[in-house]
Structure formats: C-alpha cells, structure tokens
C-alpha cells in the first residue's frame, strides 16, 4: 500500500508558478500612466480642500501655488508657508513624470476666508493622458 500524504515537489512548483503569474497580472497595471495621473489628480484635489479649510480656519486668504512643472506649495496671503513643496509623482524620473498645468492667474488658486475661490482648473497630464481638477467661485473642487 502506497501512502501519499501531502504534495509532491512538482505539484508545489506548479502552484507557485500559478500564484506568481496571477500576482504579476494583478499588479502589472498598478503603476500604469492612467493610475499615476488619477492618483496625482486626487492628491491635488485633497490639498485644495485642505487649503480651503485652512482659509476658513485662519480667517485669511490661502493660496495653492505652482512651484514647478511637477510641484506646488500651500501658503497664506501674508506669505506664511503652510506646507513644504509637494511633488506629484515623486518616484518617476523627469522624462516620465506627471506634469501640472494651472489656468489661474499668477499660477495660484486663491481661497478667501469664506471658502470661495477663483474659477479655474489644474490639468494633470502624462503624455496623452490627462485629468482636470476644477474649482468654481463657491470653492467647490471636482476631479474630471
């Protein structure tokens, strides 16, 4: 009588290969350009909401200003910096980084102490893929 308790080495190897292939398929799209642009857009939108909250809390004007093609900073109207320079898509090299484009005058989104803001949008792009973060006069922030 042959007692076969457990798995053979070949069966374990086949299972390991199948798990590896499944993991590769599942995580291969994780760092896709679409995901990087979407992630950066939601990061910018969250920081815009934070800037709006700071304006209301401090009862003074707060600005989110572009500091480069890939970065921005939040500061008060009196020049006090609330955050350091924030980079979008920090881990990529310069040739494949997500870019920011501001339609606001002076490259800054301005929130009043009442939470209202200037109309405009921030375009986040990588190659032909892009998303917009839009603010309206009431201070509403929307990602499209």
C-alpha atoms as a PDB file:
ATOM      1  CA  UNK A   1       0.000   0.000   0.000  1.00  0.00           C
ATOM      2  CA  UNK A   2       1.329   3.379  -1.050  1.00  0.00           C
ATOM      3  CA  UNK A   3       0.729   6.211   1.445  1.00  0.00           C
ATOM      4  CA  UNK A   4       0.597   9.595  -0.371  1.00  0.00           C
ATOM      5  CA  UNK A   5       0.163  12.217   2.336  1.00  0.00           C
ATOM      6  CA  UNK A   6       0.871  15.775   1.122  1.00  0.00           C
ATOM      7  CA  UNK A   7       2.034  17.180  -2.196  1.00  0.00           C
ATOM      8  CA  UNK A   8       4.932  16.280  -4.425  1.00  0.00           C
ATOM      9  CA  UNK A   9       7.647  18.796  -5.217  1.00  0.00           C
ATOM     10  CA  UNK A  10       6.346  19.178  -8.788  1.00  0.00           C
ATOM     11  CA  UNK A  11       2.808  19.926  -7.592  1.00  0.00           C
ATOM     12  CA  UNK A  12       4.117  22.615  -5.216  1.00  0.00           C
ATOM     13  CA  UNK A  13       6.209  24.115  -8.013  1.00  0.00           C
ATOM     14  CA  UNK A  14       3.190  24.302 -10.362  1.00  0.00           C
ATOM     15  CA  UNK A  15       1.116  26.023  -7.667  1.00  0.00           C
ATOM     16  CA  UNK A  16       3.935  28.514  -7.015  1.00  0.00           C
ATOM     17  CA  UNK A  17       4.192  29.337 -10.734  1.00  0.00           C
ATOM     18  CA  UNK A  18       0.412  29.880 -10.994  1.00  0.00           C
ATOM     19  CA  UNK A  19       0.409  32.198  -7.968  1.00  0.00           C
ATOM     20  CA  UNK A  20       3.349  34.148  -9.436  1.00  0.00           C
ATOM     21  CA  UNK A  21       1.590  34.585 -12.785  1.00  0.00           C
ATOM     22  CA  UNK A  22      -1.601  35.733 -11.047  1.00  0.00           C
ATOM     23  CA  UNK A  23       0.310  38.250  -8.933  1.00  0.00           C
ATOM     24  CA  UNK A  24       2.105  39.610 -11.997  1.00  0.00           C
ATOM     25  CA  UNK A  25      -1.177  40.102 -13.848  1.00  0.00           C
ATOM     26  CA  UNK A  26      -2.823  41.715 -10.825  1.00  0.00           C
ATOM     27  CA  UNK A  27      -0.010  44.190 -10.129  1.00  0.00           C
ATOM     28  CA  UNK A  28       1.179  44.938 -13.674  1.00  0.00           C
ATOM     29  CA  UNK A  29      -1.439  47.695 -14.119  1.00  0.00           C
ATOM     30  CA  UNK A  30      -0.804  49.217 -10.694  1.00  0.00           C
ATOM     31  CA  UNK A  31       1.793  51.715 -11.931  1.00  0.00           C
ATOM     32  CA  UNK A  32       0.124  52.438 -15.266  1.00  0.00           C
ATOM     33  CA  UNK A  33       0.077  56.025 -16.589  1.00  0.00           C
ATOM     34  CA  UNK A  34      -3.700  56.210 -16.046  1.00  0.00           C
ATOM     35  CA  UNK A  35      -3.340  55.270 -12.371  1.00  0.00           C
ATOM     36  CA  UNK A  36      -0.465  57.704 -11.839  1.00  0.00           C
ATOM     37  CA  UNK A  37      -2.449  60.603 -13.346  1.00  0.00           C
ATOM     38  CA  UNK A  38      -5.605  59.684 -11.383  1.00  0.00           C
ATOM     39  CA  UNK A  39      -3.621  59.393  -8.147  1.00  0.00           C
ATOM     40  CA  UNK A  40      -1.937  62.773  -8.726  1.00  0.00           C
ATOM     41  CA  UNK A  41      -5.315  64.409  -9.515  1.00  0.00           C
ATOM     42  CA  UNK A  42      -6.847  63.154  -6.281  1.00  0.00           C
ATOM     43  CA  UNK A  43      -3.743  64.238  -4.354  1.00  0.00           C
ATOM     44  CA  UNK A  44      -4.049  67.781  -5.755  1.00  0.00           C
ATOM     45  CA  UNK A  45      -7.817  67.833  -5.040  1.00  0.00           C
ATOM     46  CA  UNK A  46      -7.208  66.767  -1.425  1.00  0.00           C
ATOM     47  CA  UNK A  47      -4.624  69.519  -0.997  1.00  0.00           C
ATOM     48  CA  UNK A  48      -7.025  72.069  -2.499  1.00  0.00           C
ATOM     49  CA  UNK A  49      -9.652  71.016   0.046  1.00  0.00           C
ATOM     50  CA  UNK A  50      -7.039  71.358   2.773  1.00  0.00           C
ATOM     51  CA  UNK A  51      -6.138  74.865   1.549  1.00  0.00           C
ATOM     52  CA  UNK A  52      -9.813  75.850   1.560  1.00  0.00           C
ATOM     53  CA  UNK A  53     -10.222  74.554   5.120  1.00  0.00           C
ATOM     54  CA  UNK A  54      -7.133  76.462   6.226  1.00  0.00           C
ATOM     55  CA  UNK A  55      -8.516  79.687   4.728  1.00  0.00           C
ATOM     56  CA  UNK A  56     -11.743  79.337   6.695  1.00  0.00           C
ATOM     57  CA  UNK A  57      -9.967  78.221   9.885  1.00  0.00           C
ATOM     58  CA  UNK A  58      -7.351  81.003   9.804  1.00  0.00           C
ATOM     59  CA  UNK A  59      -9.835  83.614   8.558  1.00  0.00           C
ATOM     60  CA  UNK A  60      -7.388  84.747   5.893  1.00  0.00           C
ATOM     61  CA  UNK A  61      -6.618  84.168   2.238  1.00  0.00           C
ATOM     62  CA  UNK A  62      -4.799  80.882   1.458  1.00  0.00           C
ATOM     63  CA  UNK A  63      -3.130  80.068  -1.861  1.00  0.00           C
ATOM     64  CA  UNK A  64      -2.044  76.855  -3.547  1.00  0.00           C
ATOM     65  CA  UNK A  65       0.714  77.924  -5.962  1.00  0.00           C
ATOM     66  CA  UNK A  66       2.575  76.082  -8.683  1.00  0.00           C
ATOM     67  CA  UNK A  67       6.308  75.968  -7.913  1.00  0.00           C
ATOM     68  CA  UNK A  68       7.436  73.910 -10.910  1.00  0.00           C
ATOM     69  CA  UNK A  69       6.191  71.553 -13.621  1.00  0.00           C
ATOM     70  CA  UNK A  70       5.697  68.822 -11.023  1.00  0.00           C
ATOM     71  CA  UNK A  71       5.203  70.667  -7.728  1.00  0.00           C
ATOM     72  CA  UNK A  72       3.134  73.139  -5.717  1.00  0.00           C
ATOM     73  CA  UNK A  73       3.002  74.708  -2.266  1.00  0.00           C
ATOM     74  CA  UNK A  74       0.279  75.997   0.080  1.00  0.00           C
ATOM     75  CA  UNK A  75       0.771  79.382   1.764  1.00  0.00           C
ATOM     76  CA  UNK A  76      -1.235  82.135   3.413  1.00  0.00           C
ATOM     77  CA  UNK A  77      -1.891  85.530   1.880  1.00  0.00           C
ATOM     78  CA  UNK A  78       0.627  87.010   4.318  1.00  0.00           C
ATOM     79  CA  UNK A  79       3.361  84.711   2.967  1.00  0.00           C
ATOM     80  CA  UNK A  80       3.430  82.056   5.719  1.00  0.00           C
ATOM     81  CA  UNK A  81       4.067  78.627   4.175  1.00  0.00           C
ATOM     82  CA  UNK A  82       1.627  76.004   5.434  1.00  0.00           C
ATOM     83  CA  UNK A  83       3.282  73.095   3.630  1.00  0.00           C
ATOM     84  CA  UNK A  84       6.625  72.394   2.108  1.00  0.00           C
ATOM     85  CA  UNK A  85       6.882  71.941  -1.634  1.00  0.00           C
ATOM     86  CA  UNK A  86       4.721  68.974  -2.627  1.00  0.00           C
ATOM     87  CA  UNK A  87       5.809  66.855  -5.573  1.00  0.00           C
ATOM     88  CA  UNK A  88       3.344  64.848  -7.620  1.00  0.00           C
ATOM     89  CA  UNK A  89       4.626  61.517  -8.868  1.00  0.00           C
ATOM     90  CA  UNK A  90       7.896  61.763  -6.887  1.00  0.00           C
ATOM     91  CA  UNK A  91       9.234  58.340  -7.739  1.00  0.00           C
ATOM     92  CA  UNK A  92       9.410  58.736 -11.531  1.00  0.00           C
ATOM     93  CA  UNK A  93      12.347  60.228 -13.400  1.00  0.00           C
ATOM     94  CA  UNK A  94      11.955  63.632 -15.072  1.00  0.00           C
ATOM     95  CA  UNK A  95      11.169  62.267 -18.545  1.00  0.00           C
ATOM     96  CA  UNK A  96       8.169  60.237 -17.328  1.00  0.00           C
ATOM     97  CA  UNK A  97       6.769  62.434 -14.552  1.00  0.00           C
ATOM     98  CA  UNK A  98       3.222  63.675 -14.245  1.00  0.00           C
ATOM     99  CA  UNK A  99       3.027  67.382 -15.175  1.00  0.00           C
ATOM    100  CA  UNK A 100       0.879  70.155 -13.705  1.00  0.00           C
ATOM    101  CA  UNK A 101      -0.715  72.987 -15.673  1.00  0.00           C
ATOM    102  CA  UNK A 102      -2.523  75.867 -13.906  1.00  0.00           C
ATOM    103  CA  UNK A 103      -5.132  78.102 -15.585  1.00  0.00           C
ATOM    104  CA  UNK A 104      -5.200  80.516 -12.615  1.00  0.00           C
ATOM    105  CA  UNK A 105      -3.655  83.971 -12.832  1.00  0.00           C
ATOM    106  CA  UNK A 106      -0.217  84.008 -11.265  1.00  0.00           C
ATOM    107  CA  UNK A 107      -0.208  80.214 -11.103  1.00  0.00           C
ATOM    108  CA  UNK A 108      -2.102  80.229  -7.784  1.00  0.00           C
ATOM    109  CA  UNK A 109      -5.530  79.054  -6.660  1.00  0.00           C
ATOM    110  CA  UNK A 110      -6.753  81.552  -4.064  1.00  0.00           C
ATOM    111  CA  UNK A 111      -9.265  80.708  -1.334  1.00  0.00           C
ATOM    112  CA  UNK A 112     -10.927  83.522   0.627  1.00  0.00           C
ATOM    113  CA  UNK A 113     -11.700  83.340   4.364  1.00  0.00           C
ATOM    114  CA  UNK A 114     -15.276  82.436   3.376  1.00  0.00           C
ATOM    115  CA  UNK A 115     -14.046  79.402   1.403  1.00  0.00           C
ATOM    116  CA  UNK A 116     -14.764  80.817  -2.050  1.00  0.00           C
ATOM    117  CA  UNK A 117     -12.105  80.565  -4.725  1.00  0.00           C
ATOM    118  CA  UNK A 118     -11.078  81.725  -8.136  1.00  0.00           C
ATOM    119  CA  UNK A 119     -12.563  79.887 -11.126  1.00  0.00           C
ATOM    120  CA  UNK A 120     -10.126  77.690 -12.989  1.00  0.00           C
ATOM    121  CA  UNK A 121      -8.569  74.293 -13.320  1.00  0.00           C
ATOM    122  CA  UNK A 122      -5.350  72.393 -12.822  1.00  0.00           C
ATOM    123  CA  UNK A 123      -4.506  69.930 -15.568  1.00  0.00           C
ATOM    124  CA  UNK A 124      -2.549  66.863 -14.527  1.00  0.00           C
ATOM    125  CA  UNK A 125      -1.060  65.058 -17.503  1.00  0.00           C
ATOM    126  CA  UNK A 126       1.324  62.339 -18.570  1.00  0.00           C
ATOM    127  CA  UNK A 127       1.734  62.050 -22.319  1.00  0.00           C
ATOM    128  CA  UNK A 128      -1.749  61.956 -23.848  1.00  0.00           C
ATOM    129  CA  UNK A 129      -3.486  61.034 -20.574  1.00  0.00           C
ATOM    130  CA  UNK A 130      -4.869  63.901 -18.509  1.00  0.00           C
ATOM    131  CA  UNK A 131      -7.321  64.807 -15.768  1.00  0.00           C
ATOM    132  CA  UNK A 132      -8.565  68.174 -14.559  1.00  0.00           C
ATOM    133  CA  UNK A 133      -9.104  69.399 -11.033  1.00  0.00           C
ATOM    134  CA  UNK A 134     -11.657  72.197 -11.253  1.00  0.00           C
ATOM    135  CA  UNK A 135     -12.602  74.888  -8.739  1.00  0.00           C
ATOM    136  CA  UNK A 136     -15.546  77.234  -9.069  1.00  0.00           C
ATOM    137  CA  UNK A 137     -16.290  80.541  -7.342  1.00  0.00           C
ATOM    138  CA  UNK A 138     -18.054  78.861  -4.423  1.00  0.00           C
ATOM    139  CA  UNK A 139     -14.891  76.867  -3.675  1.00  0.00           C
ATOM    140  CA  UNK A 140     -16.248  73.531  -4.874  1.00  0.00           C
ATOM    141  CA  UNK A 141     -13.490  71.180  -6.034  1.00  0.00           C
ATOM    142  CA  UNK A 142     -14.128  68.492  -8.630  1.00  0.00           C
ATOM    143  CA  UNK A 143     -11.908  65.948 -10.413  1.00  0.00           C
ATOM    144  CA  UNK A 144     -12.743  65.162 -14.046  1.00  0.00           C
END
